[in-house]
């Protein structure tokens, strides 16, 4: 399996993560989900693997701009629907690799998982 980085290219965290991968010599593909969309099967697998809470970025602008009623009583099904409709609410980056799934960038976690 190729390491695949899902995110938005102009996101500072995604830039930092991709730079880290390059410096570590880890080959990876990039999937821009703003342009290419989020593969529904992948999103379902991410939620199954990690739960919806780490995948949904509640601190981002897109989430905060939702009406209050849309931000209440979120469960896995509602989170999945929100994330499919608004991919920019996905915490960035999401990385699929041979050993599993990483959500967000943490150099220590990434070093342990990817090397």
Protein backbone atom coordinates (compact mmCIF):
# COMPACT_ATOMS: atom_id res chain seq x y z
CA UNK A 1 0.00 0.00 0.00
CA UNK A 2 1.21 3.47 -0.81
CA UNK A 3 1.14 6.07 1.93
CA UNK A 4 -1.65 8.46 1.00
CA UNK A 5 -2.01 11.92 2.51
CA UNK A 6 -5.54 13.34 2.38
CA UNK A 7 -5.97 17.04 2.86
CA UNK A 8 -5.96 20.49 1.33
CA UNK A 9 -2.68 21.68 -0.20
CA UNK A 10 -2.75 25.21 1.23
CA UNK A 11 -3.35 24.02 4.82
CA UNK A 12 -0.29 24.84 6.96
CA UNK A 13 -0.53 21.56 8.87
CA UNK A 14 -0.72 19.57 5.63
CA UNK A 15 2.30 21.48 4.29
CA UNK A 16 4.24 20.70 7.45
CA UNK A 17 3.23 17.04 7.31
CA UNK A 18 4.20 16.65 3.66
CA UNK A 19 7.52 18.35 4.31
CA UNK A 20 8.12 15.96 7.22
CA UNK A 21 7.39 12.97 4.98
CA UNK A 22 9.77 14.30 2.31
CA UNK A 23 12.53 14.88 4.89
CA UNK A 24 11.99 11.36 6.26
CA UNK A 25 12.26 9.90 2.75
CA UNK A 26 8.77 8.42 2.89
CA UNK A 27 7.15 8.15 -0.53
CA UNK A 28 3.56 9.28 -0.51
CA UNK A 29 0.71 10.30 -2.75
CA UNK A 30 -1.42 13.35 -2.07
CA UNK A 31 -5.21 13.42 -2.37
CA UNK A 32 -6.69 16.91 -2.43
CA UNK A 33 -10.19 16.31 -1.17
CA UNK A 34 -11.29 19.81 -2.00
CA UNK A 35 -10.71 19.05 -5.70
CA UNK A 36 -11.03 15.25 -5.75
CA UNK A 37 -13.67 14.81 -3.08
CA UNK A 38 -13.60 12.42 -0.17
CA UNK A 39 -14.02 8.76 -1.10
CA UNK A 40 -17.07 7.73 0.92
CA UNK A 41 -15.71 4.24 1.59
CA UNK A 42 -12.52 5.75 2.98
CA UNK A 43 -14.40 8.16 5.23
CA UNK A 44 -16.49 5.28 6.59
CA UNK A 45 -13.30 3.27 7.21
CA UNK A 46 -11.65 6.23 8.99
CA UNK A 47 -14.66 6.65 11.27
CA UNK A 48 -14.76 2.89 11.92
CA UNK A 49 -11.05 2.87 12.77
CA UNK A 50 -10.79 6.04 14.86
CA UNK A 51 -14.32 7.08 15.72
CA UNK A 52 -15.89 10.25 14.34
CA UNK A 53 -14.61 12.57 17.08
CA UNK A 54 -10.95 12.75 15.95
CA UNK A 55 -11.99 13.03 12.29
CA UNK A 56 -14.40 15.97 12.72
CA UNK A 57 -12.52 19.24 13.22
CA UNK A 58 -14.83 21.15 15.51
CA UNK A 59 -12.34 24.01 15.89
CA UNK A 60 -12.31 24.90 12.19
CA UNK A 61 -14.11 27.77 10.55
CA UNK A 62 -16.43 25.57 8.49
CA UNK A 63 -17.78 23.79 11.57
CA UNK A 64 -18.14 27.00 13.57
CA UNK A 65 -20.14 28.60 10.73
CA UNK A 66 -22.75 25.83 10.82
CA UNK A 67 -26.07 26.74 12.39
CA UNK A 68 -26.16 25.87 16.08
CA UNK A 69 -28.73 23.10 15.53
CA UNK A 70 -26.36 21.36 13.08
CA UNK A 71 -23.59 21.37 15.69
CA UNK A 72 -25.72 19.68 18.35
CA UNK A 73 -26.34 15.99 19.04
CA UNK A 74 -23.72 14.74 16.59
CA UNK A 75 -23.31 10.98 16.32
CA UNK A 76 -21.36 8.85 13.83
CA UNK A 77 -24.07 8.99 11.15
CA UNK A 78 -24.53 12.77 11.43
CA UNK A 79 -20.77 13.31 11.51
CA UNK A 80 -20.34 11.23 8.36
CA UNK A 81 -23.05 13.24 6.57
CA UNK A 82 -21.50 16.54 7.68
CA UNK A 83 -18.03 15.44 6.56
CA UNK A 84 -19.23 14.22 3.17
CA UNK A 85 -21.05 17.52 2.59
CA UNK A 86 -18.20 19.64 3.97
CA UNK A 87 -14.82 17.90 3.51
CA UNK A 88 -12.99 20.92 4.90
CA UNK A 89 -14.34 19.86 8.32
CA UNK A 90 -12.09 16.79 8.24
CA UNK A 91 -9.13 17.17 10.56
CA UNK A 92 -6.01 17.45 8.46
CA UNK A 93 -4.14 15.57 7.35
CA UNK A 94 -5.49 12.03 7.30
CA UNK A 95 -2.83 9.50 6.32
CA UNK A 96 -3.47 5.94 5.23
CA UNK A 97 -0.37 3.74 5.47
CA UNK A 98 0.54 0.07 5.69
CA UNK A 99 0.34 0.12 9.46
CA UNK A 100 -2.98 1.90 9.75
CA UNK A 101 -4.30 5.43 9.92
CA UNK A 102 -3.00 8.73 11.25
CA UNK A 103 -5.22 11.76 11.87
CA UNK A 104 -3.63 15.16 12.35
CA UNK A 105 0.11 15.79 12.43
CA UNK A 106 2.25 14.77 15.38
CA UNK A 107 5.90 14.20 14.45
CA UNK A 108 6.52 11.74 17.30
CA UNK A 109 3.44 9.67 16.50
CA UNK A 110 4.30 9.73 12.80
CA UNK A 111 7.92 8.68 13.40
CA UNK A 112 6.76 5.70 15.46
CA UNK A 113 4.10 4.68 12.95
CA UNK A 114 5.89 5.27 9.65
CA UNK A 115 9.51 4.32 10.21
